[in-house]
Amino acid sequence: MKYTLTARHFKVHDTIKDFADKEMTKLERFYDGIIKAEVILSYERASNSVKTAEIIVHANHHHTFTAKEHSDEFHISIEEAAKKVVAQLKKYNDKLKAKH
């Protein structure tokens, strides 16, 4: 699976890149039809240093799964958004298995 990491309004540290990479590779365990994924990180200084992570996953059959999370740290935001996407992927995978 290919994924892109985009940072808005700041430069990403290597530790955050590595963490995002680990979280994205975990997604493949729950659904093998993932084509590509996008991780968008943004940092808003005006609103008490809120760090936002948005994950967009494109899968087979033109399905898109998205999740967005806000917190004080990027690691937490990425992890929570990934959990939301995992829940969506599990539900979709179960739906496909029930159909067939």
N, C-alpha and C. Protein backbone atom coordinates (compact mmCIF):
# COMPACT_ATOMS: atom_id res chain seq x y z
N MET A 1 0.84 -1.18 0.00
CA MET A 1 0.00 0.00 0.00
C MET A 1 0.89 1.24 0.00
N LYS A 2 0.52 2.18 -0.83
CA LYS A 2 1.23 3.45 -0.85
C LYS A 2 0.45 4.44 0.02
N TYR A 3 1.20 5.28 0.72
CA TYR A 3 0.52 6.33 1.46
C TYR A 3 1.36 7.60 1.38
N THR A 4 0.67 8.73 1.49
CA THR A 4 1.34 10.02 1.48
C THR A 4 1.12 10.71 2.82
N LEU A 5 2.12 11.44 3.23
CA LEU A 5 2.05 12.20 4.47
C LEU A 5 2.19 13.67 4.12
N THR A 6 1.19 14.45 4.48
CA THR A 6 1.18 15.88 4.20
C THR A 6 1.14 16.65 5.51
N ALA A 7 1.98 17.65 5.62
CA ALA A 7 1.99 18.50 6.81
C ALA A 7 1.59 19.91 6.41
N ARG A 8 0.62 20.43 7.10
CA ARG A 8 0.16 21.81 6.83
C ARG A 8 0.67 22.73 7.93
N HIS A 9 1.34 23.77 7.52
CA HIS A 9 1.80 24.84 8.42
C HIS A 9 2.96 24.45 9.33
N PHE A 10 3.67 23.36 9.04
CA PHE A 10 4.84 23.00 9.83
C PHE A 10 5.63 21.92 9.09
N LYS A 11 6.82 21.62 9.61
CA LYS A 11 7.65 20.57 9.05
C LYS A 11 7.59 19.36 9.98
N VAL A 12 7.39 18.18 9.42
CA VAL A 12 7.20 16.96 10.20
C VAL A 12 8.54 16.41 10.68
N HIS A 13 8.60 16.03 11.97
CA HIS A 13 9.78 15.38 12.51
C HIS A 13 9.80 13.92 12.09
N ASP A 14 10.97 13.33 12.09
CA ASP A 14 11.12 11.93 11.68
C ASP A 14 10.38 10.98 12.61
N THR A 15 10.29 11.30 13.88
CA THR A 15 9.59 10.42 14.81
C THR A 15 8.10 10.34 14.46
N ILE A 16 7.53 11.45 14.05
CA ILE A 16 6.12 11.46 13.66
C ILE A 16 5.94 10.70 12.35
N LYS A 17 6.87 10.85 11.41
CA LYS A 17 6.81 10.10 10.16
C LYS A 17 6.85 8.60 10.42
N ASP A 18 7.77 8.17 11.28
CA ASP A 18 7.90 6.75 11.60
C ASP A 18 6.63 6.21 12.27
N PHE A 19 6.06 6.99 13.17
CA PHE A 19 4.85 6.57 13.86
C PHE A 19 3.69 6.44 12.87
N ALA A 20 3.55 7.41 11.98
CA ALA A 20 2.49 7.36 10.97
C ALA A 20 2.67 6.15 10.06
N ASP A 21 3.92 5.85 9.71
CA ASP A 21 4.21 4.69 8.87
C ASP A 21 3.77 3.40 9.55
N LYS A 22 4.06 3.25 10.82
CA LYS A 22 3.65 2.05 11.58
C LYS A 22 2.13 1.93 11.63
N GLU A 23 1.45 3.04 11.86
CA GLU A 23 0.00 3.01 11.94
C GLU A 23 -0.63 2.65 10.59
N MET A 24 -0.05 3.14 9.51
CA MET A 24 -0.59 2.85 8.18
C MET A 24 -0.38 1.39 7.79
N THR A 25 0.75 0.81 8.19
CA THR A 25 0.98 -0.60 7.86
C THR A 25 0.04 -1.51 8.66
N LYS A 26 -0.41 -1.07 9.82
CA LYS A 26 -1.37 -1.85 10.60
C LYS A 26 -2.71 -1.98 9.88
N LEU A 27 -3.06 -0.98 9.09
CA LEU A 27 -4.36 -0.99 8.41
C LEU A 27 -4.50 -2.16 7.45
N GLU A 28 -3.40 -2.59 6.84
CA GLU A 28 -3.45 -3.67 5.87
C GLU A 28 -3.87 -5.00 6.50
N ARG A 29 -3.70 -5.13 7.80
CA ARG A 29 -4.10 -6.37 8.48
C ARG A 29 -5.62 -6.55 8.50
N PHE A 30 -6.36 -5.46 8.44
CA PHE A 30 -7.80 -5.52 8.60
C PHE A 30 -8.55 -5.58 7.27
N TYR A 31 -7.93 -5.12 6.20
CA TYR A 31 -8.55 -5.20 4.88
C TYR A 31 -7.45 -5.14 3.84
N ASP A 32 -7.40 -6.15 2.99
CA ASP A 32 -6.30 -6.23 2.02
C ASP A 32 -6.58 -5.52 0.71
N GLY A 33 -7.73 -4.89 0.58
CA GLY A 33 -8.07 -4.20 -0.65
C GLY A 33 -7.77 -2.71 -0.63
N ILE A 34 -6.87 -2.29 0.23
CA ILE A 34 -6.52 -0.87 0.32
C ILE A 34 -5.60 -0.51 -0.84
N ILE A 35 -5.96 0.50 -1.58
CA ILE A 35 -5.17 0.95 -2.72
C ILE A 35 -4.14 1.98 -2.28
N LYS A 36 -4.62 3.02 -1.61
CA LYS A 36 -3.70 4.05 -1.12
C LYS A 36 -4.31 4.74 0.09
N ALA A 37 -3.47 5.44 0.83
CA ALA A 37 -3.92 6.16 2.01
C ALA A 37 -3.23 7.52 2.07
N GLU A 38 -3.88 8.45 2.72
CA GLU A 38 -3.32 9.79 2.90
C GLU A 38 -3.41 10.14 4.38
N VAL A 39 -2.33 10.70 4.90
CA VAL A 39 -2.31 11.22 6.27
C VAL A 39 -2.05 12.70 6.17
N ILE A 40 -2.96 13.50 6.67
CA ILE A 40 -2.83 14.95 6.61
C ILE A 40 -2.75 15.47 8.04
N LEU A 41 -1.63 16.10 8.35
CA LEU A 41 -1.40 16.65 9.69
C LEU A 41 -1.45 18.17 9.60
N SER A 42 -2.14 18.77 10.53
CA SER A 42 -2.18 20.23 10.56
C SER A 42 -2.00 20.73 11.98
N TYR A 43 -1.45 21.90 12.06
CA TYR A 43 -1.11 22.51 13.35
C TYR A 43 -1.70 23.90 13.38
N GLU A 44 -2.55 24.17 14.37
CA GLU A 44 -3.20 25.47 14.48
C GLU A 44 -2.75 26.16 15.76
N ARG A 45 -1.93 27.17 15.61
CA ARG A 45 -1.41 27.90 16.77
C ARG A 45 -2.46 28.79 17.41
N ALA A 46 -3.36 29.31 16.60
CA ALA A 46 -4.35 30.26 17.11
C ALA A 46 -5.30 29.63 18.12
N SER A 47 -5.55 28.34 17.98
CA SER A 47 -6.52 27.70 18.87
C SER A 47 -5.81 26.75 19.85
N ASN A 48 -4.96 27.31 20.69
CA ASN A 48 -4.28 26.57 21.76
C ASN A 48 -3.44 25.39 21.27
N SER A 49 -2.75 25.56 20.18
CA SER A 49 -1.85 24.54 19.63
C SER A 49 -2.53 23.20 19.38
N VAL A 50 -3.68 23.24 18.74
CA VAL A 50 -4.41 22.02 18.43
C VAL A 50 -3.73 21.32 17.25
N LYS A 51 -3.47 20.03 17.43
CA LYS A 51 -2.83 19.23 16.39
C LYS A 51 -3.86 18.26 15.85
N THR A 52 -4.07 18.31 14.54
CA THR A 52 -5.11 17.53 13.89
C THR A 52 -4.50 16.51 12.95
N ALA A 53 -5.04 15.30 12.97
CA ALA A 53 -4.64 14.25 12.03
C ALA A 53 -5.88 13.79 11.28
N GLU A 54 -5.78 13.74 9.97
CA GLU A 54 -6.87 13.24 9.13
C GLU A 54 -6.32 12.10 8.30
N ILE A 55 -7.01 10.98 8.30
CA ILE A 55 -6.59 9.82 7.53
C ILE A 55 -7.68 9.52 6.51
N ILE A 56 -7.27 9.40 5.25
CA ILE A 56 -8.17 9.06 4.16
C ILE A 56 -7.64 7.79 3.50
N VAL A 57 -8.47 6.76 3.46
CA VAL A 57 -8.07 5.48 2.89
C VAL A 57 -8.95 5.18 1.69
N HIS A 58 -8.32 4.92 0.55
CA HIS A 58 -9.03 4.56 -0.67
C HIS A 58 -8.90 3.05 -0.86
N ALA A 59 -10.05 2.38 -1.02
CA ALA A 59 -10.06 0.92 -1.14
C ALA A 59 -10.71 0.51 -2.46
N ASN A 60 -10.72 -0.80 -2.68
CA ASN A 60 -11.36 -1.35 -3.88
C ASN A 60 -12.82 -0.94 -3.96
N HIS A 61 -13.34 -1.01 -5.16
CA HIS A 61 -14.76 -0.73 -5.42
C HIS A 61 -15.14 0.71 -5.07
N HIS A 62 -14.20 1.62 -5.21
CA HIS A 62 -14.44 3.06 -5.03
C HIS A 62 -14.95 3.42 -3.64
N HIS A 63 -14.48 2.73 -2.62
CA HIS A 63 -14.85 3.07 -1.25
C HIS A 63 -13.75 3.93 -0.63
N THR A 64 -14.18 4.92 0.13
CA THR A 64 -13.26 5.80 0.83
C THR A 64 -13.64 5.83 2.30
N PHE A 65 -12.64 5.65 3.15
CA PHE A 65 -12.83 5.68 4.59
C PHE A 65 -12.04 6.86 5.15
N THR A 66 -12.69 7.67 5.97
CA THR A 66 -12.01 8.86 6.51
C THR A 66 -12.20 8.95 8.02
N ALA A 67 -11.23 9.58 8.65
CA ALA A 67 -11.31 9.85 10.09
C ALA A 67 -10.47 11.08 10.39
N LYS A 68 -10.95 11.87 11.34
CA LYS A 68 -10.25 13.10 11.72
C LYS A 68 -10.26 13.19 13.24
N GLU A 69 -9.11 13.53 13.80
CA GLU A 69 -8.97 13.60 15.25
C GLU A 69 -8.15 14.82 15.64
N HIS A 70 -8.50 15.44 16.78
CA HIS A 70 -7.80 16.60 17.33
C HIS A 70 -7.26 16.25 18.72
N SER A 71 -6.06 16.70 19.02
CA SER A 71 -5.53 16.55 20.39
C SER A 71 -4.33 17.49 20.56
N ASP A 72 -3.64 17.34 21.68
CA ASP A 72 -2.48 18.18 21.97
C ASP A 72 -1.19 17.63 21.38
N GLU A 73 -1.20 16.35 20.95
CA GLU A 73 0.00 15.73 20.37
C GLU A 73 -0.37 15.00 19.08
N PHE A 74 0.56 15.01 18.13
CA PHE A 74 0.32 14.35 16.85
C PHE A 74 0.22 12.84 17.01
N HIS A 75 1.01 12.26 17.90
CA HIS A 75 0.97 10.81 18.09
C HIS A 75 -0.44 10.35 18.51
N ILE A 76 -1.03 11.08 19.42
CA ILE A 76 -2.37 10.73 19.90
C ILE A 76 -3.40 10.92 18.78
N SER A 77 -3.30 12.02 18.06
CA SER A 77 -4.24 12.30 16.97
C SER A 77 -4.16 11.22 15.90
N ILE A 78 -2.95 10.84 15.52
CA ILE A 78 -2.78 9.81 14.49
C ILE A 78 -3.34 8.47 14.97
N GLU A 79 -3.01 8.12 16.20
CA GLU A 79 -3.46 6.83 16.75
C GLU A 79 -4.99 6.75 16.83
N GLU A 80 -5.63 7.81 17.29
CA GLU A 80 -7.08 7.81 17.43
C GLU A 80 -7.77 7.81 16.06
N ALA A 81 -7.24 8.55 15.10
CA ALA A 81 -7.81 8.54 13.75
C ALA A 81 -7.64 7.17 13.11
N ALA A 82 -6.51 6.53 13.35
CA ALA A 82 -6.27 5.18 12.81
C ALA A 82 -7.26 4.19 13.42
N LYS A 83 -7.56 4.33 14.70
CA LYS A 83 -8.54 3.44 15.34
C LYS A 83 -9.91 3.57 14.69
N LYS A 84 -10.28 4.80 14.36
CA LYS A 84 -11.56 5.03 13.71
C LYS A 84 -11.60 4.37 12.33
N VAL A 85 -10.51 4.50 11.58
CA VAL A 85 -10.45 3.89 10.25
C VAL A 85 -10.47 2.37 10.36
N VAL A 86 -9.78 1.82 11.35
CA VAL A 86 -9.77 0.37 11.55
C VAL A 86 -11.20 -0.12 11.81
N ALA A 87 -11.94 0.59 12.62
CA ALA A 87 -13.33 0.20 12.90
C ALA A 87 -14.16 0.21 11.62
N GLN A 88 -13.95 1.21 10.77
CA GLN A 88 -14.68 1.28 9.51
C GLN A 88 -14.28 0.13 8.59
N LEU A 89 -12.98 -0.18 8.53
CA LEU A 89 -12.51 -1.27 7.68
C LEU A 89 -13.04 -2.61 8.16
N LYS A 90 -13.06 -2.84 9.46
CA LYS A 90 -13.59 -4.09 10.01
C LYS A 90 -15.07 -4.25 9.65
N LYS A 91 -15.82 -3.18 9.82
CA LYS A 91 -17.25 -3.22 9.51
C LYS A 91 -17.48 -3.52 8.04
N TYR A 92 -16.72 -2.87 7.18
CA TYR A 92 -16.85 -3.08 5.74
C TYR A 92 -16.46 -4.51 5.37
N ASN A 93 -15.38 -5.01 5.95
CA ASN A 93 -14.91 -6.37 5.67
C ASN A 93 -15.96 -7.39 6.13
N ASP A 94 -16.56 -7.19 7.28
CA ASP A 94 -17.60 -8.08 7.77
C ASP A 94 -18.82 -8.06 6.85
N LYS A 95 -19.14 -6.89 6.33
CA LYS A 95 -20.26 -6.76 5.42
C LYS A 95 -20.01 -7.55 4.14
N LEU A 96 -18.79 -7.48 3.64
CA LEU A 96 -18.43 -8.23 2.42
C LEU A 96 -18.50 -9.73 2.66
N LYS A 97 -18.01 -10.18 3.82
CA LYS A 97 -18.05 -11.60 4.14
C LYS A 97 -19.48 -12.11 4.30
N ALA A 98 -20.36 -11.28 4.86
CA ALA A 98 -21.75 -11.67 5.04
C ALA A 98 -22.47 -11.78 3.70
N LYS A 99 -22.08 -10.96 2.76
CA LYS A 99 -22.71 -11.00 1.43
C LYS A 99 -22.38 -12.29 0.70
N HIS A 100 -21.15 -12.73 0.82
CA HIS A 100 -20.70 -13.91 0.08
C HIS A 100 -20.79 -15.08 0.98
